[in-house]
Amino acid sequence: MFGVNIYRVSGVSMQPRIPAGSFVLCMGALRTKLIPGAIYLFEHPRFGQLIKTLSNIDNAGNLWFKGENGNSMSTQEMGAIRQKRVIGKVTWVISA
């Protein structure tokens, strides 16, 4: 993905930071530095496209994400994500 794209968020895993039904603007991954605490859109091999907060980058370069809501799947359930799966960084949230 290049440039900026708009996505609609479904589900409550990122509430209260991103309410369900909100829109997010995502800047293409090639133009962003990965920063723990920032929110990213990525392609999960099992769950499809997800929007989560980057919690850690391990020594092997694997990315570990978390949801903001207690109902979100756990970091361990999601597993490590390779950087090439990151679609973009969420730069703006338009709340529902």
PDB file of N, CA and C in Angstrom:
ATOM      1  N   MET A   1       0.847  -1.181   0.000  1.00  0.00           N
ATOM      2  CA  MET A   1       0.000   0.000   0.000  1.00  0.00           C
ATOM      3  C   MET A   1       0.889   1.239   0.000  1.00  0.00           C
ATOM      4  N   PHE A   2       0.571   2.158  -0.855  1.00  0.00           N
ATOM      5  CA  PHE A   2       1.309   3.415  -0.923  1.00  0.00           C
ATOM      6  C   PHE A   2       0.347   4.558  -0.647  1.00  0.00           C
ATOM      7  N   GLY A   3       0.862   5.679  -0.187  1.00  0.00           N
ATOM      8  CA  GLY A   3       0.012   6.831   0.070  1.00  0.00           C
ATOM      9  C   GLY A   3      -0.835   6.652   1.307  1.00  0.00           C
ATOM     10  N   VAL A   4      -2.033   7.251   1.276  1.00  0.00           N
ATOM     11  CA  VAL A   4      -2.944   7.211   2.412  1.00  0.00           C
ATOM     12  C   VAL A   4      -4.251   6.567   1.971  1.00  0.00           C
ATOM     13  N   ASN A   5      -4.755   5.637   2.774  1.00  0.00           N
ATOM     14  CA  ASN A   5      -6.030   4.978   2.509  1.00  0.00           C
ATOM     15  C   ASN A   5      -6.913   5.065   3.738  1.00  0.00           C
ATOM     16  N   ILE A   6      -8.227   4.923   3.523  1.00  0.00           N
ATOM     17  CA  ILE A   6      -9.211   4.984   4.599  1.00  0.00           C
ATOM     18  C   ILE A   6      -9.813   3.595   4.801  1.00  0.00           C
ATOM     19  N   TYR A   7      -9.919   3.200   6.068  1.00  0.00           N
ATOM     20  CA  TYR A   7     -10.507   1.913   6.437  1.00  0.00           C
ATOM     21  C   TYR A   7     -11.558   2.130   7.513  1.00  0.00           C
ATOM     22  N   ARG A   8     -12.575   1.278   7.509  1.00  0.00           N
ATOM     23  CA  ARG A   8     -13.588   1.308   8.565  1.00  0.00           C
ATOM     24  C   ARG A   8     -13.275   0.194   9.563  1.00  0.00           C
ATOM     25  N   VAL A   9     -13.343   0.525  10.849  1.00  0.00           N
ATOM     26  CA  VAL A   9     -13.025  -0.423  11.916  1.00  0.00           C
ATOM     27  C   VAL A   9     -14.298  -1.137  12.351  1.00  0.00           C
ATOM     28  N   SER A  10     -14.246  -2.461  12.365  1.00  0.00           N
ATOM     29  CA  SER A  10     -15.364  -3.228  12.916  1.00  0.00           C
ATOM     30  C   SER A  10     -14.865  -3.935  14.169  1.00  0.00           C
ATOM     31  N   GLY A  11     -15.731  -4.175  15.100  1.00  0.00           N
ATOM     32  CA  GLY A  11     -15.343  -4.841  16.332  1.00  0.00           C
ATOM     33  C   GLY A  11     -14.916  -3.860  17.408  1.00  0.00           C
ATOM     34  N   VAL A  12     -14.767  -4.383  18.616  1.00  0.00           N
ATOM     35  CA  VAL A  12     -14.504  -3.536  19.783  1.00  0.00           C
ATOM     36  C   VAL A  12     -13.110  -3.716  20.371  1.00  0.00           C
ATOM     37  N   SER A  13     -12.242  -4.460  19.701  1.00  0.00           N
ATOM     38  CA  SER A  13     -10.945  -4.795  20.294  1.00  0.00           C
ATOM     39  C   SER A  13     -10.042  -3.590  20.528  1.00  0.00           C
ATOM     40  N   MET A  14     -10.308  -2.478  19.850  1.00  0.00           N
ATOM     41  CA  MET A  14      -9.466  -1.289  20.023  1.00  0.00           C
ATOM     42  C   MET A  14     -10.160  -0.192  20.833  1.00  0.00           C
ATOM     43  N   GLN A  15     -11.365  -0.466  21.349  1.00  0.00           N
ATOM     44  CA  GLN A  15     -12.061   0.507  22.193  1.00  0.00           C
ATOM     45  C   GLN A  15     -11.369   0.619  23.535  1.00  0.00           C
ATOM     46  N   PRO A  16     -11.285   1.754  24.131  1.00  0.00           N
ATOM     47  CA  PRO A  16     -11.910   3.023  23.763  1.00  0.00           C
ATOM     48  C   PRO A  16     -11.063   3.870  22.799  1.00  0.00           C
ATOM     49  N   ARG A  17      -9.845   3.442  22.512  1.00  0.00           N
ATOM     50  CA  ARG A  17      -8.958   4.249  21.658  1.00  0.00           C
ATOM     51  C   ARG A  17      -9.541   4.453  20.262  1.00  0.00           C
ATOM     52  N   ILE A  18     -10.115   3.396  19.685  1.00  0.00           N
ATOM     53  CA  ILE A  18     -10.797   3.490  18.389  1.00  0.00           C
ATOM     54  C   ILE A  18     -12.154   2.814  18.539  1.00  0.00           C
ATOM     55  N   PRO A  19     -13.235   3.589  18.627  1.00  0.00           N
ATOM     56  CA  PRO A  19     -14.569   2.995  18.760  1.00  0.00           C
ATOM     57  C   PRO A  19     -14.973   2.202  17.516  1.00  0.00           C
ATOM     58  N   ALA A  20     -15.747   1.136  17.714  1.00  0.00           N
ATOM     59  CA  ALA A  20     -16.266   0.345  16.596  1.00  0.00           C
ATOM     60  C   ALA A  20     -17.019   1.260  15.633  1.00  0.00           C
ATOM     61  N   GLY A  21     -16.849   1.026  14.342  1.00  0.00           N
ATOM     62  CA  GLY A  21     -17.523   1.823  13.325  1.00  0.00           C
ATOM     63  C   GLY A  21     -16.772   3.074  12.921  1.00  0.00           C
ATOM     64  N   SER A  22     -15.659   3.349  13.577  1.00  0.00           N
ATOM     65  CA  SER A  22     -14.855   4.525  13.231  1.00  0.00           C
ATOM     66  C   SER A  22     -14.125   4.300  11.913  1.00  0.00           C
ATOM     67  N   PHE A  23     -13.657   5.381  11.335  1.00  0.00           N
ATOM     68  CA  PHE A  23     -12.805   5.317  10.158  1.00  0.00           C
ATOM     69  C   PHE A  23     -11.386   5.698  10.580  1.00  0.00           C
ATOM     70  N   VAL A  24     -10.403   5.069   9.942  1.00  0.00           N
ATOM     71  CA  VAL A  24      -9.007   5.409  10.218  1.00  0.00           C
ATOM     72  C   VAL A  24      -8.306   5.725   8.896  1.00  0.00           C
ATOM     73  N   LEU A  25      -7.402   6.694   8.949  1.00  0.00           N
ATOM     74  CA  LEU A  25      -6.532   6.980   7.828  1.00  0.00           C
ATOM     75  C   LEU A  25      -5.232   6.247   8.073  1.00  0.00           C
ATOM     76  N   CYS A  26      -4.773   5.541   7.070  1.00  0.00           N
ATOM     77  CA  CYS A  26      -3.592   4.703   7.194  1.00  0.00           C
ATOM     78  C   CYS A  26      -2.548   5.151   6.182  1.00  0.00           C
ATOM     79  N   MET A  27      -1.339   5.438   6.670  1.00  0.00           N
ATOM     80  CA  MET A  27      -0.231   5.808   5.792  1.00  0.00           C
ATOM     81  C   MET A  27       0.540   4.541   5.436  1.00  0.00           C
ATOM     82  N   GLY A  28       0.866   4.387   4.160  1.00  0.00           N
ATOM     83  CA  GLY A  28       1.563   3.201   3.675  1.00  0.00           C
ATOM     84  C   GLY A  28       2.789   2.840   4.490  1.00  0.00           C
ATOM     85  N   ALA A  29       3.009   1.554   4.675  1.00  0.00           N
ATOM     86  CA  ALA A  29       4.077   1.049   5.535  1.00  0.00           C
ATOM     87  C   ALA A  29       5.474   1.460   5.074  1.00  0.00           C
ATOM     88  N   LEU A  30       5.667   1.655   3.796  1.00  0.00           N
ATOM     89  CA  LEU A  30       7.002   1.996   3.302  1.00  0.00           C
ATOM     90  C   LEU A  30       7.451   3.381   3.738  1.00  0.00           C
ATOM     91  N   ARG A  31       6.522   4.195   4.168  1.00  0.00           N
ATOM     92  CA  ARG A  31       6.839   5.565   4.545  1.00  0.00           C
ATOM     93  C   ARG A  31       6.884   5.779   6.057  1.00  0.00           C
ATOM     94  N   THR A  32       6.749   4.727   6.814  1.00  0.00           N
ATOM     95  CA  THR A  32       6.668   4.898   8.265  1.00  0.00           C
ATOM     96  C   THR A  32       7.725   4.074   8.979  1.00  0.00           C
ATOM     97  N   LYS A  33       8.201   4.592  10.099  1.00  0.00           N
ATOM     98  CA  LYS A  33       9.081   3.846  10.992  1.00  0.00           C
ATOM     99  C   LYS A  33       8.194   3.178  12.033  1.00  0.00           C
ATOM    100  N   LEU A  34       8.451   1.917  12.313  1.00  0.00           N
ATOM    101  CA  LEU A  34       7.636   1.202  13.294  1.00  0.00           C
ATOM    102  C   LEU A  34       8.006   1.642  14.699  1.00  0.00           C
ATOM    103  N   ILE A  35       6.993   2.085  15.446  1.00  0.00           N
ATOM    104  CA  ILE A  35       7.184   2.642  16.783  1.00  0.00           C
ATOM    105  C   ILE A  35       6.247   1.941  17.761  1.00  0.00           C
ATOM    106  N   PRO A  36       6.791   1.281  18.794  1.00  0.00           N
ATOM    107  CA  PRO A  36       5.903   0.696  19.804  1.00  0.00           C
ATOM    108  C   PRO A  36       4.974   1.759  20.401  1.00  0.00           C
ATOM    109  N   GLY A  37       3.714   1.380  20.594  1.00  0.00           N
ATOM    110  CA  GLY A  37       2.701   2.299  21.102  1.00  0.00           C
ATOM    111  C   GLY A  37       1.853   2.895  19.993  1.00  0.00           C
ATOM    112  N   ALA A  38       2.338   2.824  18.743  1.00  0.00           N
ATOM    113  CA  ALA A  38       1.568   3.319  17.600  1.00  0.00           C
ATOM    114  C   ALA A  38       0.625   2.215  17.115  1.00  0.00           C
ATOM    115  N   ILE A  39      -0.392   2.607  16.354  1.00  0.00           N
ATOM    116  CA  ILE A  39      -1.396   1.676  15.851  1.00  0.00           C
ATOM    117  C   ILE A  39      -1.111   1.381  14.384  1.00  0.00           C
ATOM    118  N   TYR A  40      -1.192   0.097  14.021  1.00  0.00           N
ATOM    119  CA  TYR A  40      -0.905  -0.332  12.657  1.00  0.00           C
ATOM    120  C   TYR A  40      -1.995  -1.247  12.127  1.00  0.00           C
ATOM    121  N   LEU A  41      -2.152  -1.225  10.810  1.00  0.00           N
ATOM    122  CA  LEU A  41      -2.988  -2.167  10.083  1.00  0.00           C
ATOM    123  C   LEU A  41      -2.035  -3.198   9.492  1.00  0.00           C
ATOM    124  N   PHE A  42      -2.339  -4.478   9.688  1.00  0.00           N
ATOM    125  CA  PHE A  42      -1.484  -5.521   9.145  1.00  0.00           C
ATOM    126  C   PHE A  42      -2.308  -6.718   8.711  1.00  0.00           C
ATOM    127  N   GLU A  43      -1.705  -7.557   7.897  1.00  0.00           N
ATOM    128  CA  GLU A  43      -2.353  -8.767   7.402  1.00  0.00           C
ATOM    129  C   GLU A  43      -1.896  -9.933   8.265  1.00  0.00           C
ATOM    130  N   HIS A  44      -2.832 -10.484   9.036  1.00  0.00           N
ATOM    131  CA  HIS A  44      -2.525 -11.633   9.883  1.00  0.00           C
ATOM    132  C   HIS A  44      -2.762 -12.900   9.056  1.00  0.00           C
ATOM    133  N   PRO A  45      -1.851 -13.876   9.106  1.00  0.00           N
ATOM    134  CA  PRO A  45      -2.015 -15.073   8.271  1.00  0.00           C
ATOM    135  C   PRO A  45      -3.268 -15.894   8.591  1.00  0.00           C
ATOM    136  N   ARG A  46      -3.784 -15.781   9.798  1.00  0.00           N
ATOM    137  CA  ARG A  46      -4.964 -16.560  10.203  1.00  0.00           C
ATOM    138  C   ARG A  46      -6.232 -15.723  10.324  1.00  0.00           C
ATOM    139  N   PHE A  47      -6.106 -14.480  10.800  1.00  0.00           N
ATOM    140  CA  PHE A  47      -7.275 -13.657  11.110  1.00  0.00           C
ATOM    141  C   PHE A  47      -7.565 -12.566  10.081  1.00  0.00           C
ATOM    142  N   GLY A  48      -6.758 -12.431   9.038  1.00  0.00           N
ATOM    143  CA  GLY A  48      -6.981 -11.405   8.028  1.00  0.00           C
ATOM    144  C   GLY A  48      -6.452 -10.051   8.471  1.00  0.00           C
ATOM    145  N   GLN A  49      -7.063  -8.981   7.965  1.00  0.00           N
ATOM    146  CA  GLN A  49      -6.598  -7.637   8.303  1.00  0.00           C
ATOM    147  C   GLN A  49      -7.007  -7.260   9.719  1.00  0.00           C
ATOM    148  N   LEU A  50      -6.027  -6.788  10.492  1.00  0.00           N
ATOM    149  CA  LEU A  50      -6.263  -6.370  11.867  1.00  0.00           C
ATOM    150  C   LEU A  50      -5.671  -4.992  12.102  1.00  0.00           C
ATOM    151  N   ILE A  51      -6.282  -4.255  13.011  1.00  0.00           N
ATOM    152  CA  ILE A  51      -5.741  -2.990  13.478  1.00  0.00           C
ATOM    153  C   ILE A  51      -5.450  -3.169  14.959  1.00  0.00           C
ATOM    154  N   LYS A  52      -4.176  -3.022  15.332  1.00  0.00           N
ATOM    155  CA  LYS A  52      -3.746  -3.236  16.711  1.00  0.00           C
ATOM    156  C   LYS A  52      -2.611  -2.279  17.053  1.00  0.00           C
ATOM    157  N   THR A  53      -2.311  -2.204  18.336  1.00  0.00           N
ATOM    158  CA  THR A  53      -1.205  -1.394  18.836  1.00  0.00           C
ATOM    159  C   THR A  53       0.069  -2.238  18.863  1.00  0.00           C
ATOM    160  N   LEU A  54       1.147  -1.697  18.319  1.00  0.00           N
ATOM    161  CA  LEU A  54       2.434  -2.389  18.370  1.00  0.00           C
ATOM    162  C   LEU A  54       2.956  -2.311  19.795  1.00  0.00           C
ATOM    163  N   SER A  55       3.141  -3.470  20.430  1.00  0.00           N
ATOM    164  CA  SER A  55       3.592  -3.465  21.816  1.00  0.00           C
ATOM    165  C   SER A  55       5.093  -3.712  21.940  1.00  0.00           C
ATOM    166  N   ASN A  56       5.679  -4.463  20.995  1.00  0.00           N
ATOM    167  CA  ASN A  56       7.085  -4.809  21.134  1.00  0.00           C
ATOM    168  C   ASN A  56       7.665  -5.252  19.792  1.00  0.00           C
ATOM    169  N   ILE A  57       8.943  -4.998  19.601  1.00  0.00           N
ATOM    170  CA  ILE A  57       9.711  -5.554  18.489  1.00  0.00           C
ATOM    171  C   ILE A  57      10.824  -6.373  19.136  1.00  0.00           C
ATOM    172  N   ASP A  58      10.806  -7.692  18.921  1.00  0.00           N
ATOM    173  CA  ASP A  58      11.806  -8.529  19.593  1.00  0.00           C
ATOM    174  C   ASP A  58      13.149  -8.497  18.868  1.00  0.00           C
ATOM    175  N   ASN A  59      14.137  -9.175  19.434  1.00  0.00           N
ATOM    176  CA  ASN A  59      15.502  -9.156  18.888  1.00  0.00           C
ATOM    177  C   ASN A  59      15.604  -9.756  17.489  1.00  0.00           C
ATOM    178  N   ALA A  60      14.649 -10.612  17.119  1.00  0.00           N
ATOM    179  CA  ALA A  60      14.632 -11.220  15.787  1.00  0.00           C
ATOM    180  C   ALA A  60      13.897 -10.343  14.769  1.00  0.00           C
ATOM    181  N   GLY A  61      13.372  -9.196  15.225  1.00  0.00           N
ATOM    182  CA  GLY A  61      12.634  -8.304  14.338  1.00  0.00           C
ATOM    183  C   GLY A  61      11.163  -8.628  14.217  1.00  0.00           C
ATOM    184  N   ASN A  62      10.676  -9.580  15.005  1.00  0.00           N
ATOM    185  CA  ASN A  62       9.249  -9.910  15.003  1.00  0.00           C
ATOM    186  C   ASN A  62       8.459  -8.821  15.707  1.00  0.00           C
ATOM    187  N   LEU A  63       7.265  -8.557  15.219  1.00  0.00           N
ATOM    188  CA  LEU A  63       6.383  -7.544  15.791  1.00  0.00           C
ATOM    189  C   LEU A  63       5.324  -8.229  16.640  1.00  0.00           C
ATOM    190  N   TRP A  64       5.064  -7.654  17.806  1.00  0.00           N
ATOM    191  CA  TRP A  64       4.049  -8.174  18.723  1.00  0.00           C
ATOM    192  C   TRP A  64       3.010  -7.088  18.949  1.00  0.00           C
ATOM    193  N   PHE A  65       1.752  -7.428  18.686  1.00  0.00           N
ATOM    194  CA  PHE A  65       0.663  -6.465  18.763  1.00  0.00           C
ATOM    195  C   PHE A  65      -0.295  -6.814  19.883  1.00  0.00           C
ATOM    196  N   LYS A  66      -1.078  -5.804  20.308  1.00  0.00           N
ATOM    197  CA  LYS A  66      -2.105  -6.008  21.329  1.00  0.00           C
ATOM    198  C   LYS A  66      -3.317  -5.156  20.990  1.00  0.00           C
ATOM    199  N   GLY A  67      -4.477  -5.603  21.469  1.00  0.00           N
ATOM    200  CA  GLY A  67      -5.688  -4.806  21.383  1.00  0.00           C
ATOM    201  C   GLY A  67      -5.764  -3.877  22.581  1.00  0.00           C
ATOM    202  N   GLU A  68      -6.697  -2.944  22.546  1.00  0.00           N
ATOM    203  CA  GLU A  68      -6.851  -1.979  23.635  1.00  0.00           C
ATOM    204  C   GLU A  68      -7.972  -2.363  24.591  1.00  0.00           C
ATOM    205  N   ASN A  69      -8.740  -3.366  24.233  1.00  0.00           N
ATOM    206  CA  ASN A  69      -9.919  -3.750  24.994  1.00  0.00           C
ATOM    207  C   ASN A  69      -9.691  -5.122  25.625  1.00  0.00           C
ATOM    208  N   GLY A  70     -10.245  -5.349  26.795  1.00  0.00           N
ATOM    209  CA  GLY A  70     -10.112  -6.639  27.461  1.00  0.00           C
ATOM    210  C   GLY A  70     -10.695  -7.796  26.671  1.00  0.00           C
ATOM    211  N   ASN A  71     -11.594  -7.498  25.714  1.00  0.00           N
ATOM    212  CA  ASN A  71     -12.202  -8.541  24.884  1.00  0.00           C
ATOM    213  C   ASN A  71     -11.370  -8.877  23.648  1.00  0.00           C
ATOM    214  N   SER A  72     -10.272  -8.171  23.448  1.00  0.00           N
ATOM    215  CA  SER A  72      -9.415  -8.428  22.302  1.00  0.00           C
ATOM    216  C   SER A  72      -8.647  -9.734  22.488  1.00  0.00           C
ATOM    217  N   MET A  73      -8.284 -10.377  21.385  1.00  0.00           N
ATOM    218  CA  MET A  73      -7.461 -11.581  21.504  1.00  0.00           C
ATOM    219  C   MET A  73      -6.111 -11.208  22.117  1.00  0.00           C
ATOM    220  N   SER A  74      -5.499 -12.147  22.775  1.00  0.00           N
ATOM    221  CA  SER A  74      -4.239 -11.879  23.466  1.00  0.00           C
ATOM    222  C   SER A  74      -3.080 -11.779  22.475  1.00  0.00           C
ATOM    223  N   THR A  75      -2.010 -11.152  22.932  1.00  0.00           N
ATOM    224  CA  THR A  75      -0.791 -11.042  22.137  1.00  0.00           C
ATOM    225  C   THR A  75      -0.274 -12.432  21.784  1.00  0.00           C
ATOM    226  N   GLN A  76      -0.338 -13.362  22.722  1.00  0.00           N
ATOM    227  CA  GLN A  76       0.143 -14.716  22.490  1.00  0.00           C
ATOM    228  C   GLN A  76      -0.715 -15.447  21.460  1.00  0.00           C
ATOM    229  N   GLU A  77      -2.037 -15.239  21.512  1.00  0.00           N
ATOM    230  CA  GLU A  77      -2.927 -15.873  20.541  1.00  0.00           C
ATOM    231  C   GLU A  77      -2.652 -15.350  19.133  1.00  0.00           C
ATOM    232  N   MET A  78      -2.369 -14.055  19.019  1.00  0.00           N
ATOM    233  CA  MET A  78      -2.057 -13.453  17.726  1.00  0.00           C
ATOM    234  C   MET A  78      -0.715 -13.944  17.208  1.00  0.00           C
ATOM    235  N   GLY A  79       0.252 -14.065  18.117  1.00  0.00           N
ATOM    236  CA  GLY A  79       1.586 -14.503  17.721  1.00  0.00           C
ATOM    237  C   GLY A  79       2.398 -13.381  17.100  1.00  0.00           C
ATOM    238  N   ALA A  80       3.617 -13.710  16.754  1.00  0.00           N
ATOM    239  CA  ALA A  80       4.529 -12.731  16.148  1.00  0.00           C
ATOM    240  C   ALA A  80       4.149 -12.472  14.698  1.00  0.00           C
ATOM    241  N   ILE A  81       4.352 -11.234  14.274  1.00  0.00           N
ATOM    242  CA  ILE A  81       4.045 -10.816  12.906  1.00  0.00           C
ATOM    243  C   ILE A  81       5.335 -10.322  12.267  1.00  0.00           C
ATOM    244  N   ARG A  82       5.568 -10.705  11.032  1.00  0.00           N
ATOM    245  CA  ARG A  82       6.730 -10.221  10.297  1.00  0.00           C
ATOM    246  C   ARG A  82       6.446  -8.817   9.768  1.00  0.00           C
ATOM    247  N   GLN A  83       7.475  -8.004   9.691  1.00  0.00           N
ATOM    248  CA  GLN A  83       7.324  -6.608   9.270  1.00  0.00           C
ATOM    249  C   GLN A  83       6.704  -6.487   7.880  1.00  0.00           C
ATOM    250  N   LYS A  84       6.978  -7.436   6.985  1.00  0.00           N
ATOM    251  CA  LYS A  84       6.434  -7.373   5.621  1.00  0.00           C
ATOM    252  C   LYS A  84       4.906  -7.465   5.601  1.00  0.00           C
ATOM    253  N   ARG A  85       4.283  -7.892   6.695  1.00  0.00           N
ATOM    254  CA  ARG A  85       2.819  -8.001   6.759  1.00  0.00           C
ATOM    255  C   ARG A  85       2.145  -6.687   7.162  1.00  0.00           C
ATOM    256  N   VAL A  86       2.932  -5.700   7.560  1.00  0.00           N
ATOM    257  CA  VAL A  86       2.358  -4.407   7.950  1.00  0.00           C
ATOM    258  C   VAL A  86       1.911  -3.675   6.684  1.00  0.00           C
ATOM    259  N   ILE A  87       0.645  -3.262   6.692  1.00  0.00           N
ATOM    260  CA  ILE A  87       0.073  -2.532   5.560  1.00  0.00           C
ATOM    261  C   ILE A  87       0.293  -1.040   5.736  1.00  0.00           C
ATOM    262  N   GLY A  88       0.109  -0.544   6.958  1.00  0.00           N
ATOM    263  CA  GLY A  88       0.286   0.878   7.181  1.00  0.00           C
ATOM    264  C   GLY A  88       0.088   1.275   8.630  1.00  0.00           C
ATOM    265  N   LYS A  89       0.441   2.517   8.904  1.00  0.00           N
ATOM    266  CA  LYS A  89       0.314   3.093  10.242  1.00  0.00           C
ATOM    267  C   LYS A  89      -0.943   3.949  10.300  1.00  0.00           C
ATOM    268  N   VAL A  90      -1.728   3.762  11.346  1.00  0.00           N
ATOM    269  CA  VAL A  90      -2.921   4.588  11.543  1.00  0.00           C
ATOM    270  C   VAL A  90      -2.465   5.960  11.975  1.00  0.00           C
ATOM    271  N   THR A  91      -2.814   6.969  11.186  1.00  0.00           N
ATOM    272  CA  THR A  91      -2.371   8.331  11.466  1.00  0.00           C
ATOM    273  C   THR A  91      -3.501   9.234  11.932  1.00  0.00           C
ATOM    274  N   TRP A  92      -4.731   8.828  11.736  1.00  0.00           N
ATOM    275  CA  TRP A  92      -5.863   9.655  12.123  1.00  0.00           C
ATOM    276  C   TRP A  92      -7.079   8.774  12.344  1.00  0.00           C
ATOM    277  N   VAL A  93      -7.849   9.070  13.393  1.00  0.00           N
ATOM    278  CA  VAL A  93      -9.068   8.321  13.684  1.00  0.00           C
ATOM    279  C   VAL A  93     -10.249   9.267  13.601  1.00  0.00           C
ATOM    280  N   ILE A  94     -11.274   8.889  12.844  1.00  0.00           N
ATOM    281  CA  ILE A  94     -12.530   9.625  12.752  1.00  0.00           C
ATOM    282  C   ILE A  94     -13.567   8.799  13.494  1.00  0.00           C
ATOM    283  N   SER A  95     -13.847   9.176  14.733  1.00  0.00           N
ATOM    284  CA  SER A  95     -14.720   8.366  15.595  1.00  0.00           C
ATOM    285  C   SER A  95     -16.129   8.296  15.069  1.00  0.00           C
ATOM    286  N   ALA A  96     -16.726   7.126  15.294  1.00  0.00           N
ATOM    287  CA  ALA A  96     -18.113   6.899  14.869  1.00  0.00           C
ATOM    288  C   ALA A  96     -19.069   7.711  15.711  1.00  0.00           C
TER     289      ALA A  96
END
